[in-house]
Amino acid sequence: SLKPEDTAVYYCNAGVLSDAYAPPRYLEVWGQGTLV
């Protein structure tokens, strides 16, 4: 039921615990976006 008001670039976000660090770090990772 999409509306014109939904028009936007949609971004994915992931809260990631990265074990590449010592101690592990919590990172916010963003995608490049997809246009709707």
Full PDB file with SEQRES, HELIX, SHEET, SSBOND, CRYST1, ORIGX, SCALE, CONECT and MASTER records, all heavy atoms in Angstrom:
SEQRES   1 A   36  SER LEU LYS PRO GLU ASP THR ALA VAL TYR TYR CYS ASN          
SEQRES   2 A   36  ALA GLY VAL LEU SER ASP ALA TYR ALA PRO PRO ARG TYR          
SEQRES   3 A   36  LEU GLU VAL TRP GLY GLN GLY THR LEU VAL                      
HELIX    1 AA1 PRO A    4  ASP A    6  5                                   3    
SHEET    1 AA1 2 VAL A   9  TYR A  10  0                                        
SHEET    2 AA1 2 THR A  34  LEU A  35 -1                                        
SHEET    1 AA2 2 ASN A  13  SER A  18  0                                        
SHEET    2 AA2 2 ARG A  25  TRP A  30 -1                                        
CRYST1    1.000    1.000    1.000  90.00  90.00  90.00 P 1           1          
ORIGX1      1.000000  0.000000  0.000000        0.00000                         
ORIGX2      0.000000  1.000000  0.000000        0.00000                         
ORIGX3      0.000000  0.000000  1.000000        0.00000                         
SCALE1      1.000000  0.000000  0.000000        0.00000                         
SCALE2      0.000000  1.000000  0.000000        0.00000                         
SCALE3      0.000000  0.000000  1.000000        0.00000                         
ATOM      1  N   SER A   1       0.822  -1.210   0.000  1.00  0.00           N  
ATOM      2  CA  SER A   1       0.000   0.000   0.000  1.00  0.00           C  
ATOM      3  C   SER A   1       0.855   1.257   0.000  1.00  0.00           C  
ATOM      4  O   SER A   1       0.644   2.185   0.788  1.00  0.00           O  
ATOM      5  CB  SER A   1      -0.954  -0.009   1.203  1.00  0.00           C  
ATOM      6  OG  SER A   1      -1.790  -1.144   1.190  1.00  0.00           O  
ATOM      7  N   LEU A   2       1.816   1.280  -0.885  1.00  0.00           N  
ATOM      8  CA  LEU A   2       2.761   2.390  -0.919  1.00  0.00           C  
ATOM      9  C   LEU A   2       2.076   3.704  -1.277  1.00  0.00           C  
ATOM     10  O   LEU A   2       1.140   3.743  -2.075  1.00  0.00           O  
ATOM     11  CB  LEU A   2       3.879   2.093  -1.908  1.00  0.00           C  
ATOM     12  CG  LEU A   2       4.924   1.098  -1.404  1.00  0.00           C  
ATOM     13  CD1 LEU A   2       5.731   0.537  -2.559  1.00  0.00           C  
ATOM     14  CD2 LEU A   2       5.842   1.774  -0.388  1.00  0.00           C  
ATOM     15  N   LYS A   3       2.569   4.753  -0.669  1.00  0.00           N  
ATOM     16  CA  LYS A   3       2.062   6.097  -0.880  1.00  0.00           C  
ATOM     17  C   LYS A   3       3.165   6.977  -1.449  1.00  0.00           C  
ATOM     18  O   LYS A   3       4.348   6.701  -1.244  1.00  0.00           O  
ATOM     19  CB  LYS A   3       1.572   6.698   0.446  1.00  0.00           C  
ATOM     20  CG  LYS A   3       0.530   5.878   1.175  1.00  0.00           C  
ATOM     21  CD  LYS A   3       0.210   6.506   2.526  1.00  0.00           C  
ATOM     22  CE  LYS A   3      -0.818   5.700   3.278  1.00  0.00           C  
ATOM     23  NZ  LYS A   3      -1.112   6.306   4.611  1.00  0.00           N  
ATOM     24  N   PRO A   4       2.803   8.051  -2.148  1.00  0.00           N  
ATOM     25  CA  PRO A   4       3.838   8.969  -2.628  1.00  0.00           C  
ATOM     26  C   PRO A   4       4.739   9.477  -1.508  1.00  0.00           C  
ATOM     27  O   PRO A   4       5.923   9.738  -1.752  1.00  0.00           O  
ATOM     28  CB  PRO A   4       3.030  10.102  -3.257  1.00  0.00           C  
ATOM     29  CG  PRO A   4       1.772   9.451  -3.704  1.00  0.00           C  
ATOM     30  CD  PRO A   4       1.468   8.415  -2.650  1.00  0.00           C  
ATOM     31  N   GLU A   5       4.208   9.603  -0.315  1.00  0.00           N  
ATOM     32  CA  GLU A   5       4.989  10.054   0.821  1.00  0.00           C  
ATOM     33  C   GLU A   5       6.084   9.072   1.219  1.00  0.00           C  
ATOM     34  O   GLU A   5       6.984   9.425   1.986  1.00  0.00           O  
ATOM     35  CB  GLU A   5       4.083  10.303   2.041  1.00  0.00           C  
ATOM     36  CG  GLU A   5       2.953  11.288   1.779  1.00  0.00           C  
ATOM     37  CD  GLU A   5       1.688  10.600   1.325  1.00  0.00           C  
ATOM     38  OE1 GLU A   5       1.558  10.340   0.108  1.00  0.00           O  
ATOM     39  OE2 GLU A   5       0.825  10.314   2.186  1.00  0.00           O  
ATOM     40  N   ASP A   6       6.017   7.841   0.722  1.00  0.00           N  
ATOM     41  CA  ASP A   6       7.043   6.842   1.004  1.00  0.00           C  
ATOM     42  C   ASP A   6       8.260   6.995   0.107  1.00  0.00           C  
ATOM     43  O   ASP A   6       9.258   6.291   0.305  1.00  0.00           O  
ATOM     44  CB  ASP A   6       6.477   5.434   0.840  1.00  0.00           C  
ATOM     45  CG  ASP A   6       5.372   5.126   1.834  1.00  0.00           C  
ATOM     46  OD1 ASP A   6       5.517   5.484   3.016  1.00  0.00           O  
ATOM     47  OD2 ASP A   6       4.364   4.515   1.419  1.00  0.00           O  
ATOM     48  N   THR A   7       8.187   7.858  -0.875  1.00  0.00           N  
ATOM     49  CA  THR A   7       9.308   8.071  -1.780  1.00  0.00           C  
ATOM     50  C   THR A   7      10.536   8.527  -1.002  1.00  0.00           C  
ATOM     51  O   THR A   7      10.491   9.526  -0.288  1.00  0.00           O  
ATOM     52  CB  THR A   7       8.956   9.102  -2.851  1.00  0.00           C  
ATOM     53  OG1 THR A   7       7.899   8.595  -3.672  1.00  0.00           O  
ATOM     54  CG2 THR A   7      10.161   9.408  -3.728  1.00  0.00           C  
ATOM     55  N   ALA A   8      11.614   7.787  -1.144  1.00  0.00           N  
ATOM     56  CA  ALA A   8      12.832   8.082  -0.404  1.00  0.00           C  
ATOM     57  C   ALA A   8      13.920   7.106  -0.820  1.00  0.00           C  
ATOM     58  O   ALA A   8      13.659   6.102  -1.487  1.00  0.00           O  
ATOM     59  CB  ALA A   8      12.596   7.968   1.107  1.00  0.00           C  
ATOM     60  N   VAL A   9      15.132   7.413  -0.404  1.00  0.00           N  
ATOM     61  CA  VAL A   9      16.203   6.440  -0.448  1.00  0.00           C  
ATOM     62  C   VAL A   9      16.145   5.649   0.846  1.00  0.00           C  
ATOM     63  O   VAL A   9      16.156   6.230   1.938  1.00  0.00           O  
ATOM     64  CB  VAL A   9      17.582   7.098  -0.613  1.00  0.00           C  
ATOM     65  CG1 VAL A   9      18.689   6.048  -0.573  1.00  0.00           C  
ATOM     66  CG2 VAL A   9      17.640   7.874  -1.923  1.00  0.00           C  
ATOM     67  N   TYR A  10      16.067   4.343   0.728  1.00  0.00           N  
ATOM     68  CA  TYR A  10      15.963   3.472   1.887  1.00  0.00           C  
ATOM     69  C   TYR A  10      17.323   2.874   2.199  1.00  0.00           C  
ATOM     70  O   TYR A  10      17.980   2.300   1.325  1.00  0.00           O  
ATOM     71  CB  TYR A  10      14.934   2.370   1.637  1.00  0.00           C  
ATOM     72  CG  TYR A  10      13.515   2.866   1.747  1.00  0.00           C  
ATOM     73  CD1 TYR A  10      12.977   3.714   0.778  1.00  0.00           C  
ATOM     74  CD2 TYR A  10      12.708   2.519   2.831  1.00  0.00           C  
ATOM     75  CE1 TYR A  10      11.688   4.201   0.884  1.00  0.00           C  
ATOM     76  CE2 TYR A  10      11.415   2.996   2.943  1.00  0.00           C  
ATOM     77  CZ  TYR A  10      10.906   3.837   1.974  1.00  0.00           C  
ATOM     78  OH  TYR A  10       9.624   4.306   2.084  1.00  0.00           O  
ATOM     79  N   TYR A  11      17.729   3.006   3.448  1.00  0.00           N  
ATOM     80  CA  TYR A  11      19.030   2.549   3.896  1.00  0.00           C  
ATOM     81  C   TYR A  11      18.895   1.418   4.904  1.00  0.00           C  
ATOM     82  O   TYR A  11      18.054   1.473   5.805  1.00  0.00           O  
ATOM     83  CB  TYR A  11      19.808   3.688   4.559  1.00  0.00           C  
ATOM     84  CG  TYR A  11      20.143   4.838   3.640  1.00  0.00           C  
ATOM     85  CD1 TYR A  11      19.299   5.931   3.523  1.00  0.00           C  
ATOM     86  CD2 TYR A  11      21.316   4.822   2.895  1.00  0.00           C  
ATOM     87  CE1 TYR A  11      19.603   6.989   2.690  1.00  0.00           C  
ATOM     88  CE2 TYR A  11      21.628   5.882   2.058  1.00  0.00           C  
ATOM     89  CZ  TYR A  11      20.769   6.962   1.960  1.00  0.00           C  
ATOM     90  OH  TYR A  11      21.085   8.011   1.130  1.00  0.00           O  
ATOM     91  N   CYS A  12      19.733   0.429   4.757  1.00  0.00           N  
ATOM     92  CA  CYS A  12      19.828  -0.651   5.721  1.00  0.00           C  
ATOM     93  C   CYS A  12      20.871  -0.303   6.773  1.00  0.00           C  
ATOM     94  O   CYS A  12      21.921   0.258   6.453  1.00  0.00           O  
ATOM     95  CB  CYS A  12      20.205  -1.947   5.008  1.00  0.00           C  
ATOM     96  SG  CYS A  12      20.370  -3.376   6.093  1.00  0.00           S  
ATOM     97  N   ASN A  13      20.571  -0.629   8.003  1.00  0.00           N  
ATOM     98  CA  ASN A  13      21.487  -0.406   9.108  1.00  0.00           C  
ATOM     99  C   ASN A  13      21.636  -1.688   9.916  1.00  0.00           C  
ATOM    100  O   ASN A  13      20.643  -2.356  10.207  1.00  0.00           O  
ATOM    101  CB  ASN A  13      20.983   0.722  10.006  1.00  0.00           C  
ATOM    102  CG  ASN A  13      21.826   0.896  11.250  1.00  0.00           C  
ATOM    103  OD1 ASN A  13      21.513   0.339  12.312  1.00  0.00           O  
ATOM    104  ND2 ASN A  13      22.886   1.674  11.136  1.00  0.00           N  
ATOM    105  N   ALA A  14      22.856  -2.008  10.262  1.00  0.00           N  
ATOM    106  CA  ALA A  14      23.125  -3.187  11.068  1.00  0.00           C  
ATOM    107  C   ALA A  14      23.967  -2.819  12.271  1.00  0.00           C  
ATOM    108  O   ALA A  14      24.986  -2.135  12.125  1.00  0.00           O  
ATOM    109  CB  ALA A  14      23.831  -4.260  10.251  1.00  0.00           C  
ATOM    110  N   GLY A  15      23.532  -3.240  13.439  1.00  0.00           N  
ATOM    111  CA  GLY A  15      24.340  -3.137  14.630  1.00  0.00           C  
ATOM    112  C   GLY A  15      25.225  -4.357  14.710  1.00  0.00           C  
ATOM    113  O   GLY A  15      24.725  -5.471  14.871  1.00  0.00           O  
ATOM    114  N   VAL A  16      26.522  -4.153  14.605  1.00  0.00           N  
ATOM    115  CA  VAL A  16      27.461  -5.247  14.424  1.00  0.00           C  
ATOM    116  C   VAL A  16      28.475  -5.264  15.561  1.00  0.00           C  
ATOM    117  O   VAL A  16      29.050  -4.234  15.912  1.00  0.00           O  
ATOM    118  CB  VAL A  16      28.205  -5.131  13.084  1.00  0.00           C  
ATOM    119  CG1 VAL A  16      29.267  -6.218  12.955  1.00  0.00           C  
ATOM    120  CG2 VAL A  16      27.219  -5.218  11.928  1.00  0.00           C  
ATOM    121  N   LEU A  17      28.676  -6.433  16.135  1.00  0.00           N  
ATOM    122  CA  LEU A  17      29.766  -6.652  17.068  1.00  0.00           C  
ATOM    123  C   LEU A  17      30.917  -7.251  16.278  1.00  0.00           C  
ATOM    124  O   LEU A  17      30.843  -8.396  15.829  1.00  0.00           O  
ATOM    125  CB  LEU A  17      29.341  -7.574  18.204  1.00  0.00           C  
ATOM    126  CG  LEU A  17      30.360  -7.752  19.331  1.00  0.00           C  
ATOM    127  CD1 LEU A  17      30.575  -6.439  20.069  1.00  0.00           C  
ATOM    128  CD2 LEU A  17      29.907  -8.836  20.301  1.00  0.00           C  
ATOM    129  N   SER A  18      31.971  -6.472  16.115  1.00  0.00           N  
ATOM    130  CA  SER A  18      33.091  -6.883  15.287  1.00  0.00           C  
ATOM    131  C   SER A  18      34.195  -7.481  16.135  1.00  0.00           C  
ATOM    132  O   SER A  18      34.747  -6.820  17.023  1.00  0.00           O  
ATOM    133  CB  SER A  18      33.634  -5.701  14.493  1.00  0.00           C  
ATOM    134  OG  SER A  18      34.802  -6.073  13.782  1.00  0.00           O  
ATOM    135  N   ASP A  19      34.542  -8.716  15.846  1.00  0.00           N  
ATOM    136  CA  ASP A  19      35.621  -9.396  16.548  1.00  0.00           C  
ATOM    137  C   ASP A  19      36.980  -9.114  15.928  1.00  0.00           C  
ATOM    138  O   ASP A  19      37.982  -9.706  16.330  1.00  0.00           O  
ATOM    139  CB  ASP A  19      35.360 -10.904  16.554  1.00  0.00           C  
ATOM    140  CG  ASP A  19      36.153 -11.633  17.622  1.00  0.00           C  
ATOM    141  OD1 ASP A  19      36.328 -11.073  18.720  1.00  0.00           O  
ATOM    142  OD2 ASP A  19      36.616 -12.757  17.360  1.00  0.00           O  
ATOM    143  N   ALA A  20      37.023  -8.206  14.973  1.00  0.00           N  
ATOM    144  CA  ALA A  20      38.297  -7.796  14.407  1.00  0.00           C  
ATOM    145  C   ALA A  20      39.085  -6.910  15.365  1.00  0.00           C  
ATOM    146  O   ALA A  20      40.269  -6.645  15.125  1.00  0.00           O  
ATOM    147  CB  ALA A  20      38.075  -7.066  13.086  1.00  0.00           C  
ATOM    148  N   TYR A  21      38.428  -6.459  16.412  1.00  0.00           N  
ATOM    149  CA  TYR A  21      39.051  -5.610  17.410  1.00  0.00           C  
ATOM    150  C   TYR A  21      39.195  -6.361  18.722  1.00  0.00           C  
ATOM    151  O   TYR A  21      38.465  -7.312  18.990  1.00  0.00           O  
ATOM    152  CB  TYR A  21      38.229  -4.338  17.634  1.00  0.00           C  
ATOM    153  CG  TYR A  21      38.006  -3.513  16.394  1.00  0.00           C  
ATOM    154  CD1 TYR A  21      36.914  -3.749  15.569  1.00  0.00           C  
ATOM    155  CD2 TYR A  21      38.885  -2.492  16.046  1.00  0.00           C  
ATOM    156  CE1 TYR A  21      36.707  -2.999  14.429  1.00  0.00           C  
ATOM    157  CE2 TYR A  21      38.685  -1.738  14.909  1.00  0.00           C  
ATOM    158  CZ  TYR A  21      37.594  -1.991  14.108  1.00  0.00           C  
ATOM    159  OH  TYR A  21      37.388  -1.240  12.977  1.00  0.00           O  
ATOM    160  N   ALA A  22      40.129  -5.915  19.533  1.00  0.00           N  
ATOM    161  CA  ALA A  22      40.325  -6.482  20.864  1.00  0.00           C  
ATOM    162  C   ALA A  22      40.315  -5.358  21.890  1.00  0.00           C  
ATOM    163  O   ALA A  22      41.269  -4.577  21.962  1.00  0.00           O  
ATOM    164  CB  ALA A  22      41.630  -7.259  20.920  1.00  0.00           C  
ATOM    165  N   PRO A  23      39.295  -5.271  22.717  1.00  0.00           N  
ATOM    166  CA  PRO A  23      38.101  -6.116  22.717  1.00  0.00           C  
ATOM    167  C   PRO A  23      37.197  -5.833  21.519  1.00  0.00           C  
ATOM    168  O   PRO A  23      37.393  -4.817  20.838  1.00  0.00           O  
ATOM    169  CB  PRO A  23      37.414  -5.744  24.029  1.00  0.00           C  
ATOM    170  CG  PRO A  23      37.797  -4.318  24.237  1.00  0.00           C  
ATOM    171  CD  PRO A  23      39.231  -4.225  23.769  1.00  0.00           C  
ATOM    172  N   PRO A  24      36.230  -6.689  21.273  1.00  0.00           N  
ATOM    173  CA  PRO A  24      35.321  -6.459  20.148  1.00  0.00           C  
ATOM    174  C   PRO A  24      34.619  -5.113  20.263  1.00  0.00           C  
ATOM    175  O   PRO A  24      34.341  -4.626  21.361  1.00  0.00           O  
ATOM    176  CB  PRO A  24      34.327  -7.622  20.258  1.00  0.00           C  
ATOM    177  CG  PRO A  24      35.079  -8.689  20.977  1.00  0.00           C  
ATOM    178  CD  PRO A  24      35.944  -7.959  21.963  1.00  0.00           C  
ATOM    179  N   ARG A  25      34.349  -4.516  19.130  1.00  0.00           N  
ATOM    180  CA  ARG A  25      33.680  -3.226  19.072  1.00  0.00           C  
ATOM    181  C   ARG A  25      32.305  -3.342  18.457  1.00  0.00           C  
ATOM    182  O   ARG A  25      32.089  -4.139  17.541  1.00  0.00           O  
ATOM    183  CB  ARG A  25      34.507  -2.227  18.249  1.00  0.00           C  
ATOM    184  CG  ARG A  25      35.834  -1.851  18.843  1.00  0.00           C  
ATOM    185  CD  ARG A  25      36.498  -0.782  18.004  1.00  0.00           C  
ATOM    186  NE  ARG A  25      37.829  -0.454  18.473  1.00  0.00           N  
ATOM    187  CZ  ARG A  25      38.607   0.454  17.906  1.00  0.00           C  
ATOM    188  NH1 ARG A  25      38.200   1.126  16.843  1.00  0.00           N  
ATOM    189  NH2 ARG A  25      39.813   0.679  18.405  1.00  0.00           N  
ATOM    190  N   TYR A  26      31.396  -2.527  18.978  1.00  0.00           N  
ATOM    191  CA  TYR A  26      30.067  -2.443  18.407  1.00  0.00           C  
ATOM    192  C   TYR A  26      30.060  -1.338  17.359  1.00  0.00           C  
ATOM    193  O   TYR A  26      30.398  -0.189  17.650  1.00  0.00           O  
ATOM    194  CB  TYR A  26      29.022  -2.156  19.480  1.00  0.00           C  
ATOM    195  CG  TYR A  26      27.606  -2.165  18.960  1.00  0.00           C  
ATOM    196  CD1 TYR A  26      26.939  -3.368  18.748  1.00  0.00           C  
ATOM    197  CD2 TYR A  26      26.943  -0.978  18.677  1.00  0.00           C  
ATOM    198  CE1 TYR A  26      25.643  -3.385  18.269  1.00  0.00           C  
ATOM    199  CE2 TYR A  26      25.645  -0.995  18.196  1.00  0.00           C  
ATOM    200  CZ  TYR A  26      25.003  -2.201  17.989  1.00  0.00           C  
ATOM    201  OH  TYR A  26      23.712  -2.214  17.519  1.00  0.00           O  
ATOM    202  N   LEU A  27      29.663  -1.691  16.152  1.00  0.00           N  
ATOM    203  CA  LEU A  27      29.683  -0.770  15.033  1.00  0.00           C  
ATOM    204  C   LEU A  27      28.297  -0.604  14.433  1.00  0.00           C  
ATOM    205  O   LEU A  27      27.494  -1.533  14.441  1.00  0.00           O  
ATOM    206  CB  LEU A  27      30.635  -1.262  13.937  1.00  0.00           C  
ATOM    207  CG  LEU A  27      32.074  -1.576  14.337  1.00  0.00           C  
ATOM    208  CD1 LEU A  27      32.812  -2.173  13.151  1.00  0.00           C  
ATOM    209  CD2 LEU A  27      32.774  -0.319  14.825  1.00  0.00           C  
ATOM    210  N   GLU A  28      28.040   0.570  13.919  1.00  0.00           N  
ATOM    211  CA  GLU A  28      26.849   0.826  13.125  1.00  0.00           C  
ATOM    212  C   GLU A  28      27.264   0.840  11.661  1.00  0.00           C  
ATOM    213  O   GLU A  28      28.057   1.685  11.241  1.00  0.00           O  
ATOM    214  CB  GLU A  28      26.207   2.151  13.513  1.00  0.00           C  
ATOM    215  CG  GLU A  28      25.676   2.201  14.932  1.00  0.00           C  
ATOM    216  CD  GLU A  28      24.403   1.401  15.112  1.00  0.00           C  
ATOM    217  OE1 GLU A  28      23.715   1.133  14.104  1.00  0.00           O  
ATOM    218  OE2 GLU A  28      24.086   1.043  16.263  1.00  0.00           O  
ATOM    219  N   VAL A  29      26.729  -0.091  10.906  1.00  0.00           N  
ATOM    220  CA  VAL A  29      27.104  -0.247   9.507  1.00  0.00           C  
ATOM    221  C   VAL A  29      25.926   0.136   8.625  1.00  0.00           C  
ATOM    222  O   VAL A  29      24.815  -0.373   8.813  1.00  0.00           O  
ATOM    223  CB  VAL A  29      27.551  -1.688   9.207  1.00  0.00           C  
ATOM    224  CG1 VAL A  29      27.979  -1.818   7.750  1.00  0.00           C  
ATOM    225  CG2 VAL A  29      28.688  -2.088  10.131  1.00  0.00           C  
ATOM    226  N   TRP A  30      26.169   1.009   7.687  1.00  0.00           N  
ATOM    227  CA  TRP A  30      25.135   1.502   6.784  1.00  0.00           C  
ATOM    228  C   TRP A  30      25.391   1.050   5.356  1.00  0.00           C  
ATOM    229  O   TRP A  30      26.539   0.976   4.900  1.00  0.00           O  
ATOM    230  CB  TRP A  30      25.084   3.034   6.800  1.00  0.00           C  
ATOM    231  CG  TRP A  30      24.594   3.610   8.087  1.00  0.00           C  
ATOM    232  CD1 TRP A  30      25.334   3.938   9.180  1.00  0.00           C  
ATOM    233  CD2 TRP A  30      23.243   3.937   8.408  1.00  0.00           C  
ATOM    234  NE1 TRP A  30      24.531   4.449  10.169  1.00  0.00           N  
ATOM    235  CE2 TRP A  30      23.254   4.459   9.729  1.00  0.00           C  
ATOM    236  CE3 TRP A  30      22.045   3.842   7.719  1.00  0.00           C  
ATOM    237  CZ2 TRP A  30      22.081   4.885  10.362  1.00  0.00           C  
ATOM    238  CZ3 TRP A  30      20.879   4.263   8.346  1.00  0.00           C  
ATOM    239  CH2 TRP A  30      20.907   4.777   9.647  1.00  0.00           C  
ATOM    240  N   GLY A  31      24.310   0.774   4.659  1.00  0.00           N  
ATOM    241  CA  GLY A  31      24.402   0.464   3.245  1.00  0.00           C  
ATOM    242  C   GLY A  31      24.394   1.722   2.403  1.00  0.00           C  
ATOM    243  O   GLY A  31      24.296   2.845   2.909  1.00  0.00           O  
ATOM    244  N   GLN A  32      24.489   1.527   1.106  1.00  0.00           N  
ATOM    245  CA  GLN A  32      24.553   2.651   0.179  1.00  0.00           C  
ATOM    246  C   GLN A  32      23.184   3.214  -0.171  1.00  0.00           C  
ATOM    247  O   GLN A  32      23.091   4.308  -0.730  1.00  0.00           O  
ATOM    248  CB  GLN A  32      25.279   2.233  -1.105  1.00  0.00           C  
ATOM    249  CG  GLN A  32      24.421   1.521  -2.147  1.00  0.00           C  
ATOM    250  CD  GLN A  32      24.011   0.110  -1.752  1.00  0.00           C  
ATOM    251  OE1 GLN A  32      24.512  -0.467  -0.797  1.00  0.00           O  
ATOM    252  NE2 GLN A  32      23.085  -0.457  -2.516  1.00  0.00           N  
ATOM    253  N   GLY A  33      22.139   2.490   0.147  1.00  0.00           N  
ATOM    254  CA  GLY A  33      20.785   2.935  -0.105  1.00  0.00           C  
ATOM    255  C   GLY A  33      20.213   2.388  -1.397  1.00  0.00           C  
ATOM    256  O   GLY A  33      20.933   2.085  -2.344  1.00  0.00           O  
ATOM    257  N   THR A  34      18.898   2.247  -1.417  1.00  0.00           N  
ATOM    258  CA  THR A  34      18.175   1.870  -2.624  1.00  0.00           C  
ATOM    259  C   THR A  34      16.973   2.795  -2.761  1.00  0.00           C  
ATOM    260  O   THR A  34      16.259   3.062  -1.796  1.00  0.00           O  
ATOM    261  CB  THR A  34      17.754   0.387  -2.592  1.00  0.00           C  
ATOM    262  OG1 THR A  34      17.154   0.024  -3.839  1.00  0.00           O  
ATOM    263  CG2 THR A  34      16.786   0.101  -1.459  1.00  0.00           C  
ATOM    264  N   LEU A  35      16.756   3.295  -3.962  1.00  0.00           N  
ATOM    265  CA  LEU A  35      15.747   4.324  -4.185  1.00  0.00           C  
ATOM    266  C   LEU A  35      14.381   3.710  -4.414  1.00  0.00           C  
ATOM    267  O   LEU A  35      14.211   2.825  -5.260  1.00  0.00           O  
ATOM    268  CB  LEU A  35      16.135   5.191  -5.388  1.00  0.00           C  
ATOM    269  CG  LEU A  35      15.138   6.281  -5.800  1.00  0.00           C  
ATOM    270  CD1 LEU A  35      14.966   7.307  -4.676  1.00  0.00           C  
ATOM    271  CD2 LEU A  35      15.591   6.961  -7.075  1.00  0.00           C  
ATOM    272  N   VAL A  36      13.404   4.203  -3.673  1.00  0.00           N  
ATOM    273  CA  VAL A  36      12.008   3.839  -3.856  1.00  0.00           C  
ATOM    274  C   VAL A  36      11.251   5.088  -4.279  1.00  0.00           C  
ATOM    275  O   VAL A  36      11.269   6.097  -3.572  1.00  0.00           O  
ATOM    276  CB  VAL A  36      11.393   3.262  -2.569  1.00  0.00           C  
ATOM    277  CG1 VAL A  36       9.886   3.059  -2.734  1.00  0.00           C  
ATOM    278  CG2 VAL A  36      12.067   1.960  -2.196  1.00  0.00           C  
TER     279      VAL A  36                                                      
MASTER        0    0    0    1    4    0    0    6  278    1    0    3          
END                                                                             
